[in-house]
């Protein structure tokens, strides 16, 4: 039986953050990358991933806005979003969860935490 890898979309404007997450996930998941919110939404419109790891602080469209748009659309509202961010305060966490995110991962990321949270959400 062939096991199909789940698809993960990484959205972050910092290449080194993407590289770290790719190193953690590439063996177990089919990983795609978007470097900004607009590109992420365009990608998702073409090929919806199983889960999205989304940075909050990006130029142009913030991760909050991306999440809000995804959750307002019947075609994408079911896709789990995990924010990956350096913002560790409770107010930002509450805001993201209120917008529909399922969890948070704080930078610098811990590889075991990333894998555990993805497994739990999928």
PDB file of N, CA and C in Angstrom:
ATOM      1  N   UNK A   1       0.832  -1.176   0.000  1.00  0.00           N
ATOM      2  CA  UNK A   1       0.000   0.000   0.000  1.00  0.00           C
ATOM      3  C   UNK A   1       0.881   1.246   0.000  1.00  0.00           C
ATOM      4  N   UNK A   2       0.600   2.168  -0.887  1.00  0.00           N
ATOM      5  CA  UNK A   2       1.369   3.398  -0.985  1.00  0.00           C
ATOM      6  C   UNK A   2       0.778   4.437  -0.046  1.00  0.00           C
ATOM      7  N   UNK A   3       1.645   4.998   0.795  1.00  0.00           N
ATOM      8  CA  UNK A   3       1.199   6.024   1.723  1.00  0.00           C
ATOM      9  C   UNK A   3       1.473   7.392   1.102  1.00  0.00           C
ATOM     10  N   UNK A   4       0.431   8.197   0.951  1.00  0.00           N
ATOM     11  CA  UNK A   4       0.563   9.518   0.371  1.00  0.00           C
ATOM     12  C   UNK A   4       0.922  10.504   1.477  1.00  0.00           C
ATOM     13  N   UNK A   5       1.949  11.304   1.222  1.00  0.00           N
ATOM     14  CA  UNK A   5       2.355  12.304   2.202  1.00  0.00           C
ATOM     15  C   UNK A   5       1.328  13.431   2.267  1.00  0.00           C
ATOM     16  N   UNK A   6       1.075  13.913   3.465  1.00  0.00           N
ATOM     17  CA  UNK A   6       0.228  15.084   3.662  1.00  0.00           C
ATOM     18  C   UNK A   6       0.973  16.308   3.142  1.00  0.00           C
ATOM     19  N   UNK A   7       0.215  17.305   2.692  1.00  0.00           N
ATOM     20  CA  UNK A   7       0.828  18.504   2.137  1.00  0.00           C
ATOM     21  C   UNK A   7       0.823  19.637   3.159  1.00  0.00           C
ATOM     22  N   UNK A   8       1.951  20.326   3.252  1.00  0.00           N
ATOM     23  CA  UNK A   8       2.136  21.448   4.158  1.00  0.00           C
ATOM     24  C   UNK A   8       2.541  22.658   3.341  1.00  0.00           C
ATOM     25  N   UNK A   9       1.893  23.787   3.585  1.00  0.00           N
ATOM     26  CA  UNK A   9       2.309  25.052   2.987  1.00  0.00           C
ATOM     27  C   UNK A   9       2.985  25.881   4.065  1.00  0.00           C
ATOM     28  N   UNK A  10       4.247  26.240   3.837  1.00  0.00           N
ATOM     29  CA  UNK A  10       4.989  27.126   4.726  1.00  0.00           C
ATOM     30  C   UNK A  10       4.892  28.534   4.174  1.00  0.00           C
ATOM     31  N   UNK A  11       4.494  29.486   5.021  1.00  0.00           N
ATOM     32  CA  UNK A  11       4.378  30.873   4.586  1.00  0.00           C
ATOM     33  C   UNK A  11       5.206  31.728   5.540  1.00  0.00           C
ATOM     34  N   UNK A  12       6.308  32.264   5.036  1.00  0.00           N
ATOM     35  CA  UNK A  12       7.192  33.115   5.830  1.00  0.00           C
ATOM     36  C   UNK A  12       8.019  33.946   4.863  1.00  0.00           C
ATOM     37  N   UNK A  13       8.271  35.199   5.215  1.00  0.00           N
ATOM     38  CA  UNK A  13       9.041  36.085   4.340  1.00  0.00           C
ATOM     39  C   UNK A  13      10.540  35.990   4.581  1.00  0.00           C
ATOM     40  N   UNK A  14      10.977  35.184   5.544  1.00  0.00           N
ATOM     41  CA  UNK A  14      12.395  35.044   5.862  1.00  0.00           C
ATOM     42  C   UNK A  14      12.872  33.666   5.403  1.00  0.00           C
ATOM     43  N   UNK A  15      13.782  33.659   4.443  1.00  0.00           N
ATOM     44  CA  UNK A  15      14.247  32.403   3.842  1.00  0.00           C
ATOM     45  C   UNK A  15      14.853  31.455   4.873  1.00  0.00           C
ATOM     46  N   UNK A  16      15.582  31.970   5.851  1.00  0.00           N
ATOM     47  CA  UNK A  16      16.204  31.087   6.839  1.00  0.00           C
ATOM     48  C   UNK A  16      15.148  30.370   7.689  1.00  0.00           C
ATOM     49  N   UNK A  17      14.027  31.030   7.967  1.00  0.00           N
ATOM     50  CA  UNK A  17      12.934  30.368   8.699  1.00  0.00           C
ATOM     51  C   UNK A  17      12.337  29.243   7.869  1.00  0.00           C
ATOM     52  N   UNK A  18      12.167  29.491   6.584  1.00  0.00           N
ATOM     53  CA  UNK A  18      11.666  28.456   5.665  1.00  0.00           C
ATOM     54  C   UNK A  18      12.633  27.276   5.628  1.00  0.00           C
ATOM     55  N   UNK A  19      13.929  27.575   5.521  1.00  0.00           N
ATOM     56  CA  UNK A  19      14.933  26.511   5.455  1.00  0.00           C
ATOM     57  C   UNK A  19      14.895  25.612   6.688  1.00  0.00           C
ATOM     58  N   UNK A  20      14.757  26.221   7.863  1.00  0.00           N
ATOM     59  CA  UNK A  20      14.697  25.447   9.111  1.00  0.00           C
ATOM     60  C   UNK A  20      13.494  24.511   9.088  1.00  0.00           C
ATOM     61  N   UNK A  21      12.331  25.038   8.719  1.00  0.00           N
ATOM     62  CA  UNK A  21      11.125  24.209   8.686  1.00  0.00           C
ATOM     63  C   UNK A  21      11.206  23.146   7.600  1.00  0.00           C
ATOM     64  N   UNK A  22      11.786  23.470   6.466  1.00  0.00           N
ATOM     65  CA  UNK A  22      11.972  22.458   5.409  1.00  0.00           C
ATOM     66  C   UNK A  22      12.829  21.305   5.910  1.00  0.00           C
ATOM     67  N   UNK A  23      13.908  21.622   6.627  1.00  0.00           N
ATOM     68  CA  UNK A  23      14.774  20.574   7.178  1.00  0.00           C
ATOM     69  C   UNK A  23      14.006  19.659   8.125  1.00  0.00           C
ATOM     70  N   UNK A  24      13.087  20.230   8.889  1.00  0.00           N
ATOM     71  CA  UNK A  24      12.317  19.456   9.857  1.00  0.00           C
ATOM     72  C   UNK A  24      11.260  18.584   9.172  1.00  0.00           C
ATOM     73  N   UNK A  25      10.630  19.116   8.128  1.00  0.00           N
ATOM     74  CA  UNK A  25       9.427  18.479   7.569  1.00  0.00           C
ATOM     75  C   UNK A  25       9.607  17.725   6.260  1.00  0.00           C
ATOM     76  N   UNK A  26      10.643  18.020   5.533  1.00  0.00           N
ATOM     77  CA  UNK A  26      10.756  17.538   4.155  1.00  0.00           C
ATOM     78  C   UNK A  26      10.711  16.022   4.008  1.00  0.00           C
ATOM     79  N   UNK A  27      11.199  15.270   4.977  1.00  0.00           N
ATOM     80  CA  UNK A  27      11.187  13.805   4.859  1.00  0.00           C
ATOM     81  C   UNK A  27       9.791  13.206   5.034  1.00  0.00           C
ATOM     82  N   UNK A  28       8.955  13.876   5.820  1.00  0.00           N
ATOM     83  CA  UNK A  28       7.668  13.297   6.179  1.00  0.00           C
ATOM     84  C   UNK A  28       6.462  13.908   5.468  1.00  0.00           C
ATOM     85  N   UNK A  29       6.649  15.071   4.850  1.00  0.00           N
ATOM     86  CA  UNK A  29       5.535  15.788   4.242  1.00  0.00           C
ATOM     87  C   UNK A  29       5.911  16.276   2.854  1.00  0.00           C
ATOM     88  N   UNK A  30       4.896  16.531   2.050  1.00  0.00           N
ATOM     89  CA  UNK A  30       5.070  17.189   0.762  1.00  0.00           C
ATOM     90  C   UNK A  30       4.950  18.688   1.061  1.00  0.00           C
ATOM     91  N   UNK A  31       6.074  19.405   1.035  1.00  0.00           N
ATOM     92  CA  UNK A  31       6.122  20.783   1.508  1.00  0.00           C
ATOM     93  C   UNK A  31       6.217  21.763   0.338  1.00  0.00           C
ATOM     94  N   UNK A  32       5.366  22.791   0.391  1.00  0.00           N
ATOM     95  CA  UNK A  32       5.417  23.907  -0.558  1.00  0.00           C
ATOM     96  C   UNK A  32       5.675  25.178   0.232  1.00  0.00           C
ATOM     97  N   UNK A  33       6.125  26.216  -0.480  1.00  0.00           N
ATOM     98  CA  UNK A  33       6.541  27.452   0.173  1.00  0.00           C
ATOM     99  C   UNK A  33       5.920  28.656  -0.515  1.00  0.00           C
ATOM    100  N   UNK A  34       5.507  29.630   0.300  1.00  0.00           N
ATOM    101  CA  UNK A  34       5.113  30.955  -0.189  1.00  0.00           C
ATOM    102  C   UNK A  34       5.835  31.976   0.680  1.00  0.00           C
ATOM    103  N   UNK A  35       6.327  33.026   0.057  1.00  0.00           N
ATOM    104  CA  UNK A  35       7.129  34.020   0.778  1.00  0.00           C
ATOM    105  C   UNK A  35       6.326  35.238   1.224  1.00  0.00           C
ATOM    106  N   UNK A  36       5.029  35.270   0.917  1.00  0.00           N
ATOM    107  CA  UNK A  36       4.183  36.377   1.368  1.00  0.00           C
ATOM    108  C   UNK A  36       2.724  35.932   1.332  1.00  0.00           C
ATOM    109  N   UNK A  37       1.863  36.765   1.923  1.00  0.00           N
ATOM    110  CA  UNK A  37       0.459  36.410   2.034  1.00  0.00           C
ATOM    111  C   UNK A  37      -0.259  36.276   0.713  1.00  0.00           C
ATOM    112  N   UNK A  38      -0.011  37.204  -0.196  1.00  0.00           N
ATOM    113  CA  UNK A  38      -0.669  37.146  -1.512  1.00  0.00           C
ATOM    114  C   UNK A  38      -0.309  35.862  -2.251  1.00  0.00           C
ATOM    115  N   UNK A  39       0.978  35.529  -2.253  1.00  0.00           N
ATOM    116  CA  UNK A  39       1.420  34.295  -2.922  1.00  0.00           C
ATOM    117  C   UNK A  39       0.794  33.069  -2.272  1.00  0.00           C
ATOM    118  N   UNK A  40       0.661  33.102  -0.958  1.00  0.00           N
ATOM    119  CA  UNK A  40       0.041  31.978  -0.255  1.00  0.00           C
ATOM    120  C   UNK A  40      -1.403  31.794  -0.695  1.00  0.00           C
ATOM    121  N   UNK A  41      -2.151  32.883  -0.750  1.00  0.00           N
ATOM    122  CA  UNK A  41      -3.554  32.780  -1.158  1.00  0.00           C
ATOM    123  C   UNK A  41      -3.690  32.310  -2.603  1.00  0.00           C
ATOM    124  N   UNK A  42      -2.793  32.769  -3.479  1.00  0.00           N
ATOM    125  CA  UNK A  42      -2.805  32.309  -4.873  1.00  0.00           C
ATOM    126  C   UNK A  42      -2.515  30.813  -4.950  1.00  0.00           C
ATOM    127  N   UNK A  43      -1.526  30.357  -4.188  1.00  0.00           N
ATOM    128  CA  UNK A  43      -1.176  28.940  -4.176  1.00  0.00           C
ATOM    129  C   UNK A  43      -2.356  28.104  -3.685  1.00  0.00           C
ATOM    130  N   UNK A  44      -2.960  28.538  -2.583  1.00  0.00           N
ATOM    131  CA  UNK A  44      -4.062  27.792  -1.970  1.00  0.00           C
ATOM    132  C   UNK A  44      -5.264  27.713  -2.911  1.00  0.00           C
ATOM    133  N   UNK A  45      -5.494  28.760  -3.681  1.00  0.00           N
ATOM    134  CA  UNK A  45      -6.603  28.755  -4.641  1.00  0.00           C
ATOM    135  C   UNK A  45      -6.398  27.689  -5.715  1.00  0.00           C
ATOM    136  N   UNK A  46      -5.144  27.412  -6.042  1.00  0.00           N
ATOM    137  CA  UNK A  46      -4.823  26.409  -7.068  1.00  0.00           C
ATOM    138  C   UNK A  46      -4.751  24.992  -6.499  1.00  0.00           C
ATOM    139  N   UNK A  47      -4.174  24.873  -5.308  1.00  0.00           N
ATOM    140  CA  UNK A  47      -3.925  23.550  -4.726  1.00  0.00           C
ATOM    141  C   UNK A  47      -3.966  23.666  -3.202  1.00  0.00           C
ATOM    142  N   UNK A  48      -5.085  23.318  -2.615  1.00  0.00           N
ATOM    143  CA  UNK A  48      -5.245  23.454  -1.166  1.00  0.00           C
ATOM    144  C   UNK A  48      -4.368  22.455  -0.414  1.00  0.00           C
ATOM    145  N   UNK A  49      -3.544  22.932   0.511  1.00  0.00           N
ATOM    146  CA  UNK A  49      -2.717  22.019   1.308  1.00  0.00           C
ATOM    147  C   UNK A  49      -3.542  21.384   2.421  1.00  0.00           C
ATOM    148  N   UNK A  50      -2.974  20.379   3.072  1.00  0.00           N
ATOM    149  CA  UNK A  50      -3.640  19.754   4.215  1.00  0.00           C
ATOM    150  C   UNK A  50      -3.528  20.621   5.464  1.00  0.00           C
ATOM    151  N   UNK A  51      -2.461  21.420   5.549  1.00  0.00           N
ATOM    152  CA  UNK A  51      -2.230  22.287   6.702  1.00  0.00           C
ATOM    153  C   UNK A  51      -1.313  23.437   6.289  1.00  0.00           C
ATOM    154  N   UNK A  52      -1.411  24.553   7.012  1.00  0.00           N
ATOM    155  CA  UNK A  52      -0.602  25.732   6.704  1.00  0.00           C
ATOM    156  C   UNK A  52       0.150  26.156   7.951  1.00  0.00           C
ATOM    157  N   UNK A  53       1.459  26.341   7.820  1.00  0.00           N
ATOM    158  CA  UNK A  53       2.275  26.953   8.861  1.00  0.00           C
ATOM    159  C   UNK A  53       2.516  28.385   8.419  1.00  0.00           C
ATOM    160  N   UNK A  54       2.002  29.341   9.190  1.00  0.00           N
ATOM    161  CA  UNK A  54       1.877  30.722   8.742  1.00  0.00           C
ATOM    162  C   UNK A  54       2.539  31.701   9.700  1.00  0.00           C
ATOM    163  N   UNK A  55       3.485  32.467   9.179  1.00  0.00           N
ATOM    164  CA  UNK A  55       4.111  33.542   9.952  1.00  0.00           C
ATOM    165  C   UNK A  55       3.102  34.673  10.113  1.00  0.00           C
ATOM    166  N   UNK A  56       3.200  35.419  11.199  1.00  0.00           N
ATOM    167  CA  UNK A  56       2.292  36.546  11.417  1.00  0.00           C
ATOM    168  C   UNK A  56       2.848  37.827  10.807  1.00  0.00           C
ATOM    169  N   UNK A  57       4.092  38.133  11.120  1.00  0.00           N
ATOM    170  CA  UNK A  57       4.683  39.411  10.714  1.00  0.00           C
ATOM    171  C   UNK A  57       5.345  39.286   9.344  1.00  0.00           C
ATOM    172  N   UNK A  58       4.628  39.755   8.335  1.00  0.00           N
ATOM    173  CA  UNK A  58       5.145  39.751   6.969  1.00  0.00           C
ATOM    174  C   UNK A  58       4.820  41.101   6.343  1.00  0.00           C
ATOM    175  N   UNK A  59       5.649  41.540   5.410  1.00  0.00           N
ATOM    176  CA  UNK A  59       5.318  42.801   4.732  1.00  0.00           C
ATOM    177  C   UNK A  59       4.076  42.634   3.860  1.00  0.00           C
ATOM    178  N   UNK A  60       3.347  43.709   3.695  1.00  0.00           N
ATOM    179  CA  UNK A  60       2.115  43.626   2.907  1.00  0.00           C
ATOM    180  C   UNK A  60       1.021  43.032   3.752  1.00  0.00           C
ATOM    181  N   UNK A  61       0.580  41.855   3.398  1.00  0.00           N
ATOM    182  CA  UNK A  61      -0.503  41.175   4.094  1.00  0.00           C
ATOM    183  C   UNK A  61       0.045  40.367   5.271  1.00  0.00           C
ATOM    184  N   UNK A  62      -0.464  40.633   6.464  1.00  0.00           N
ATOM    185  CA  UNK A  62      -0.016  39.890   7.644  1.00  0.00           C
ATOM    186  C   UNK A  62      -0.602  38.475   7.647  1.00  0.00           C
ATOM    187  N   UNK A  63      -0.011  37.631   8.466  1.00  0.00           N
ATOM    188  CA  UNK A  63      -0.549  36.288   8.635  1.00  0.00           C
ATOM    189  C   UNK A  63      -1.961  36.303   9.185  1.00  0.00           C
ATOM    190  N   UNK A  64      -2.255  37.290  10.043  1.00  0.00           N
ATOM    191  CA  UNK A  64      -3.612  37.420  10.556  1.00  0.00           C
ATOM    192  C   UNK A  64      -4.610  37.623   9.413  1.00  0.00           C
ATOM    193  N   UNK A  65      -4.255  38.492   8.473  1.00  0.00           N
ATOM    194  CA  UNK A  65      -5.161  38.761   7.355  1.00  0.00           C
ATOM    195  C   UNK A  65      -5.316  37.528   6.464  1.00  0.00           C
ATOM    196  N   UNK A  66      -4.218  36.826   6.230  1.00  0.00           N
ATOM    197  CA  UNK A  66      -4.286  35.597   5.435  1.00  0.00           C
ATOM    198  C   UNK A  66      -5.239  34.604   6.104  1.00  0.00           C
ATOM    199  N   UNK A  67      -5.075  34.395   7.398  1.00  0.00           N
ATOM    200  CA  UNK A  67      -5.925  33.463   8.138  1.00  0.00           C
ATOM    201  C   UNK A  67      -7.384  33.898   8.071  1.00  0.00           C
ATOM    202  N   UNK A  68      -7.623  35.187   8.266  1.00  0.00           N
ATOM    203  CA  UNK A  68      -8.978  35.712   8.225  1.00  0.00           C
ATOM    204  C   UNK A  68      -9.635  35.456   6.873  1.00  0.00           C
ATOM    205  N   UNK A  69      -8.897  35.663   5.801  1.00  0.00           N
ATOM    206  CA  UNK A  69      -9.437  35.415   4.454  1.00  0.00           C
ATOM    207  C   UNK A  69      -9.715  33.934   4.227  1.00  0.00           C
ATOM    208  N   UNK A  70      -8.802  33.091   4.688  1.00  0.00           N
ATOM    209  CA  UNK A  70      -9.008  31.652   4.529  1.00  0.00           C
ATOM    210  C   UNK A  70     -10.249  31.177   5.271  1.00  0.00           C
ATOM    211  N   UNK A  71     -10.432  31.652   6.481  1.00  0.00           N
ATOM    212  CA  UNK A  71     -11.548  31.196   7.310  1.00  0.00           C
ATOM    213  C   UNK A  71     -12.880  31.788   6.854  1.00  0.00           C
ATOM    214  N   UNK A  72     -12.841  32.864   6.064  1.00  0.00           N
ATOM    215  CA  UNK A  72     -14.074  33.475   5.547  1.00  0.00           C
ATOM    216  C   UNK A  72     -14.534  32.815   4.246  1.00  0.00           C
ATOM    217  N   UNK A  73     -13.715  31.964   3.667  1.00  0.00           N
ATOM    218  CA  UNK A  73     -14.000  31.331   2.384  1.00  0.00           C
ATOM    219  C   UNK A  73     -14.431  29.878   2.610  1.00  0.00           C
ATOM    220  N   UNK A  74     -15.579  29.520   2.107  1.00  0.00           N
ATOM    221  CA  UNK A  74     -16.101  28.160   2.284  1.00  0.00           C
ATOM    222  C   UNK A  74     -15.162  27.093   1.720  1.00  0.00           C
ATOM    223  N   UNK A  75     -14.394  27.439   0.688  1.00  0.00           N
ATOM    224  CA  UNK A  75     -13.478  26.471   0.057  1.00  0.00           C
ATOM    225  C   UNK A  75     -12.234  26.201   0.901  1.00  0.00           C
ATOM    226  N   UNK A  76     -11.863  27.141   1.783  1.00  0.00           N
ATOM    227  CA  UNK A  76     -10.590  27.009   2.504  1.00  0.00           C
ATOM    228  C   UNK A  76     -10.738  27.039   4.026  1.00  0.00           C
ATOM    229  N   UNK A  77     -11.918  27.269   4.535  1.00  0.00           N
ATOM    230  CA  UNK A  77     -12.066  27.433   5.981  1.00  0.00           C
ATOM    231  C   UNK A  77     -11.727  26.177   6.776  1.00  0.00           C
ATOM    232  N   UNK A  78     -11.758  25.029   6.127  1.00  0.00           N
ATOM    233  CA  UNK A  78     -11.457  23.760   6.797  1.00  0.00           C
ATOM    234  C   UNK A  78      -9.958  23.492   6.954  1.00  0.00           C
ATOM    235  N   UNK A  79      -9.112  24.239   6.261  1.00  0.00           N
ATOM    236  CA  UNK A  79      -7.664  23.988   6.297  1.00  0.00           C
ATOM    237  C   UNK A  79      -7.104  24.477   7.637  1.00  0.00           C
ATOM    238  N   UNK A  80      -6.472  23.581   8.411  1.00  0.00           N
ATOM    239  CA  UNK A  80      -5.898  24.018   9.680  1.00  0.00           C
ATOM    240  C   UNK A  80      -4.727  24.987   9.457  1.00  0.00           C
ATOM    241  N   UNK A  81      -4.697  26.023  10.282  1.00  0.00           N
ATOM    242  CA  UNK A  81      -3.624  27.016  10.249  1.00  0.00           C
ATOM    243  C   UNK A  81      -2.927  27.007  11.603  1.00  0.00           C
ATOM    244  N   UNK A  82      -1.608  26.863  11.570  1.00  0.00           N
ATOM    245  CA  UNK A  82      -0.791  27.005  12.773  1.00  0.00           C
ATOM    246  C   UNK A  82       0.098  28.218  12.554  1.00  0.00           C
ATOM    247  N   UNK A  83       0.002  29.193  13.453  1.00  0.00           N
ATOM    248  CA  UNK A  83       0.889  30.342  13.363  1.00  0.00           C
ATOM    249  C   UNK A  83       2.266  29.966  13.882  1.00  0.00           C
ATOM    250  N   UNK A  84       3.290  30.375  13.147  1.00  0.00           N
ATOM    251  CA  UNK A  84       4.678  30.190  13.554  1.00  0.00           C
ATOM    252  C   UNK A  84       5.240  31.595  13.698  1.00  0.00           C
ATOM    253  N   UNK A  85       5.551  31.988  14.941  1.00  0.00           N
ATOM    254  CA  UNK A  85       5.848  33.386  15.186  1.00  0.00           C
ATOM    255  C   UNK A  85       6.785  33.606  16.362  1.00  0.00           C
ATOM    256  N   UNK A  86       7.404  34.762  16.363  1.00  0.00           N
ATOM    257  CA  UNK A  86       8.217  35.195  17.502  1.00  0.00           C
ATOM    258  C   UNK A  86       7.362  35.934  18.524  1.00  0.00           C
ATOM    259  N   UNK A  87       6.130  36.245  18.178  1.00  0.00           N
ATOM    260  CA  UNK A  87       5.214  36.941  19.088  1.00  0.00           C
ATOM    261  C   UNK A  87       4.645  35.949  20.099  1.00  0.00           C
ATOM    262  N   UNK A  88       5.133  36.027  21.309  1.00  0.00           N
ATOM    263  CA  UNK A  88       4.755  35.032  22.313  1.00  0.00           C
ATOM    264  C   UNK A  88       3.742  35.544  23.338  1.00  0.00           C
ATOM    265  N   UNK A  89       3.298  36.789  23.212  1.00  0.00           N
ATOM    266  CA  UNK A  89       2.391  37.324  24.220  1.00  0.00           C
ATOM    267  C   UNK A  89       0.975  36.776  24.043  1.00  0.00           C
ATOM    268  N   UNK A  90       0.243  36.758  25.146  1.00  0.00           N
ATOM    269  CA  UNK A  90      -1.091  36.165  25.169  1.00  0.00           C
ATOM    270  C   UNK A  90      -2.072  36.885  24.258  1.00  0.00           C
ATOM    271  N   UNK A  91      -1.948  38.207  24.129  1.00  0.00           N
ATOM    272  CA  UNK A  91      -2.882  38.963  23.286  1.00  0.00           C
ATOM    273  C   UNK A  91      -2.782  38.533  21.825  1.00  0.00           C
ATOM    274  N   UNK A  92      -1.567  38.353  21.325  1.00  0.00           N
ATOM    275  CA  UNK A  92      -1.402  37.908  19.939  1.00  0.00           C
ATOM    276  C   UNK A  92      -1.883  36.480  19.758  1.00  0.00           C
ATOM    277  N   UNK A  93      -1.639  35.648  20.741  1.00  0.00           N
ATOM    278  CA  UNK A  93      -2.097  34.269  20.667  1.00  0.00           C
ATOM    279  C   UNK A  93      -3.627  34.229  20.659  1.00  0.00           C
ATOM    280  N   UNK A  94      -4.255  34.998  21.514  1.00  0.00           N
ATOM    281  CA  UNK A  94      -5.723  35.045  21.554  1.00  0.00           C
ATOM    282  C   UNK A  94      -6.296  35.542  20.236  1.00  0.00           C
ATOM    283  N   UNK A  95      -5.660  36.565  19.670  1.00  0.00           N
ATOM    284  CA  UNK A  95      -6.136  37.113  18.397  1.00  0.00           C
ATOM    285  C   UNK A  95      -6.096  36.048  17.304  1.00  0.00           C
ATOM    286  N   UNK A  96      -4.982  35.345  17.189  1.00  0.00           N
ATOM    287  CA  UNK A  96      -4.849  34.318  16.159  1.00  0.00           C
ATOM    288  C   UNK A  96      -5.838  33.184  16.321  1.00  0.00           C
ATOM    289  N   UNK A  97      -6.039  32.753  17.552  1.00  0.00           N
ATOM    290  CA  UNK A  97      -7.003  31.675  17.801  1.00  0.00           C
ATOM    291  C   UNK A  97      -8.424  32.139  17.498  1.00  0.00           C
ATOM    292  N   UNK A  98      -8.714  33.399  17.816  1.00  0.00           N
ATOM    293  CA  UNK A  98     -10.043  33.944  17.515  1.00  0.00           C
ATOM    294  C   UNK A  98     -10.297  34.025  16.013  1.00  0.00           C
ATOM    295  N   UNK A  99      -9.230  34.211  15.235  1.00  0.00           N
ATOM    296  CA  UNK A  99      -9.356  34.265  13.775  1.00  0.00           C
ATOM    297  C   UNK A  99      -9.499  32.882  13.153  1.00  0.00           C
ATOM    298  N   UNK A 100      -9.253  31.829  13.934  1.00  0.00           N
ATOM    299  CA  UNK A 100      -9.449  30.479  13.418  1.00  0.00           C
ATOM    300  C   UNK A 100      -8.220  29.595  13.381  1.00  0.00           C
ATOM    301  N   UNK A 101      -7.075  30.104  13.834  1.00  0.00           N
ATOM    302  CA  UNK A 101      -5.882  29.249  13.888  1.00  0.00           C
ATOM    303  C   UNK A 101      -6.118  28.138  14.910  1.00  0.00           C
ATOM    304  N   UNK A 102      -5.505  26.984  14.675  1.00  0.00           N
ATOM    305  CA  UNK A 102      -5.683  25.856  15.582  1.00  0.00           C
ATOM    306  C   UNK A 102      -4.591  25.780  16.637  1.00  0.00           C
ATOM    307  N   UNK A 103      -3.455  26.456  16.386  1.00  0.00           N
ATOM    308  CA  UNK A 103      -2.354  26.374  17.345  1.00  0.00           C
ATOM    309  C   UNK A 103      -1.290  27.407  17.006  1.00  0.00           C
ATOM    310  N   UNK A 104      -0.298  27.475  17.872  1.00  0.00           N
ATOM    311  CA  UNK A 104       0.860  28.351  17.709  1.00  0.00           C
ATOM    312  C   UNK A 104       2.125  27.547  17.897  1.00  0.00           C
ATOM    313  N   UNK A 105       3.161  27.899  17.142  1.00  0.00           N
ATOM    314  CA  UNK A 105       4.514  27.412  17.361  1.00  0.00           C
ATOM    315  C   UNK A 105       5.371  28.665  17.464  1.00  0.00           C
ATOM    316  N   UNK A 106       6.169  28.735  18.535  1.00  0.00           N
ATOM    317  CA  UNK A 106       6.972  29.928  18.754  1.00  0.00           C
ATOM    318  C   UNK A 106       8.395  29.740  18.257  1.00  0.00           C
ATOM    319  N   UNK A 107       8.927  30.813  17.653  1.00  0.00           N
ATOM    320  CA  UNK A 107      10.305  30.826  17.174  1.00  0.00           C
ATOM    321  C   UNK A 107      11.217  31.197  18.333  1.00  0.00           C
ATOM    322  N   UNK A 108      12.402  30.627  18.395  1.00  0.00           N
ATOM    323  CA  UNK A 108      12.928  29.609  17.490  1.00  0.00           C
ATOM    324  C   UNK A 108      12.188  28.284  17.676  1.00  0.00           C
ATOM    325  N   UNK A 109      11.942  27.616  16.568  1.00  0.00           N
ATOM    326  CA  UNK A 109      11.124  26.401  16.597  1.00  0.00           C
ATOM    327  C   UNK A 109      11.912  25.217  17.156  1.00  0.00           C
ATOM    328  N   UNK A 110      11.177  24.345  17.820  1.00  0.00           N
ATOM    329  CA  UNK A 110      11.712  23.081  18.303  1.00  0.00           C
ATOM    330  C   UNK A 110      11.234  21.990  17.349  1.00  0.00           C
ATOM    331  N   UNK A 111      12.138  21.250  16.715  1.00  0.00           N
ATOM    332  CA  UNK A 111      11.721  20.249  15.719  1.00  0.00           C
ATOM    333  C   UNK A 111      10.681  19.252  16.236  1.00  0.00           C
ATOM    334  N   UNK A 112      10.850  18.760  17.450  1.00  0.00           N
ATOM    335  CA  UNK A 112       9.890  17.789  17.993  1.00  0.00           C
ATOM    336  C   UNK A 112       8.516  18.432  18.172  1.00  0.00           C
ATOM    337  N   UNK A 113       8.482  19.672  18.619  1.00  0.00           N
ATOM    338  CA  UNK A 113       7.205  20.369  18.793  1.00  0.00           C
ATOM    339  C   UNK A 113       6.502  20.558  17.456  1.00  0.00           C
ATOM    340  N   UNK A 114       7.262  20.948  16.440  1.00  0.00           N
ATOM    341  CA  UNK A 114       6.676  21.149  15.112  1.00  0.00           C
ATOM    342  C   UNK A 114       6.036  19.851  14.626  1.00  0.00           C
ATOM    343  N   UNK A 115       6.773  18.764  14.694  1.00  0.00           N
ATOM    344  CA  UNK A 115       6.242  17.471  14.227  1.00  0.00           C
ATOM    345  C   UNK A 115       5.040  17.017  15.044  1.00  0.00           C
ATOM    346  N   UNK A 116       5.121  17.176  16.363  1.00  0.00           N
ATOM    347  CA  UNK A 116       3.999  16.777  17.227  1.00  0.00           C
ATOM    348  C   UNK A 116       2.741  17.564  16.931  1.00  0.00           C
ATOM    349  N   UNK A 117       2.879  18.877  16.759  1.00  0.00           N
ATOM    350  CA  UNK A 117       1.697  19.706  16.511  1.00  0.00           C
ATOM    351  C   UNK A 117       1.100  19.393  15.141  1.00  0.00           C
ATOM    352  N   UNK A 118       1.949  19.163  14.150  1.00  0.00           N
ATOM    353  CA  UNK A 118       1.425  18.786  12.840  1.00  0.00           C
ATOM    354  C   UNK A 118       0.688  17.456  12.905  1.00  0.00           C
ATOM    355  N   UNK A 119       1.280  16.475  13.566  1.00  0.00           N
ATOM    356  CA  UNK A 119       0.633  15.169  13.694  1.00  0.00           C
ATOM    357  C   UNK A 119      -0.698  15.283  14.409  1.00  0.00           C
ATOM    358  N   UNK A 120      -0.770  16.096  15.438  1.00  0.00           N
ATOM    359  CA  UNK A 120      -2.008  16.277  16.196  1.00  0.00           C
ATOM    360  C   UNK A 120      -3.088  16.924  15.330  1.00  0.00           C
ATOM    361  N   UNK A 121      -2.701  17.927  14.575  1.00  0.00           N
ATOM    362  CA  UNK A 121      -3.681  18.667  13.750  1.00  0.00           C
ATOM    363  C   UNK A 121      -4.130  17.891  12.522  1.00  0.00           C
ATOM    364  N   UNK A 122      -3.297  16.979  12.062  1.00  0.00           N
ATOM    365  CA  UNK A 122      -3.649  16.205  10.875  1.00  0.00           C
ATOM    366  C   UNK A 122      -4.269  14.878  11.266  1.00  0.00           C
TER     367      UNK A 122
END
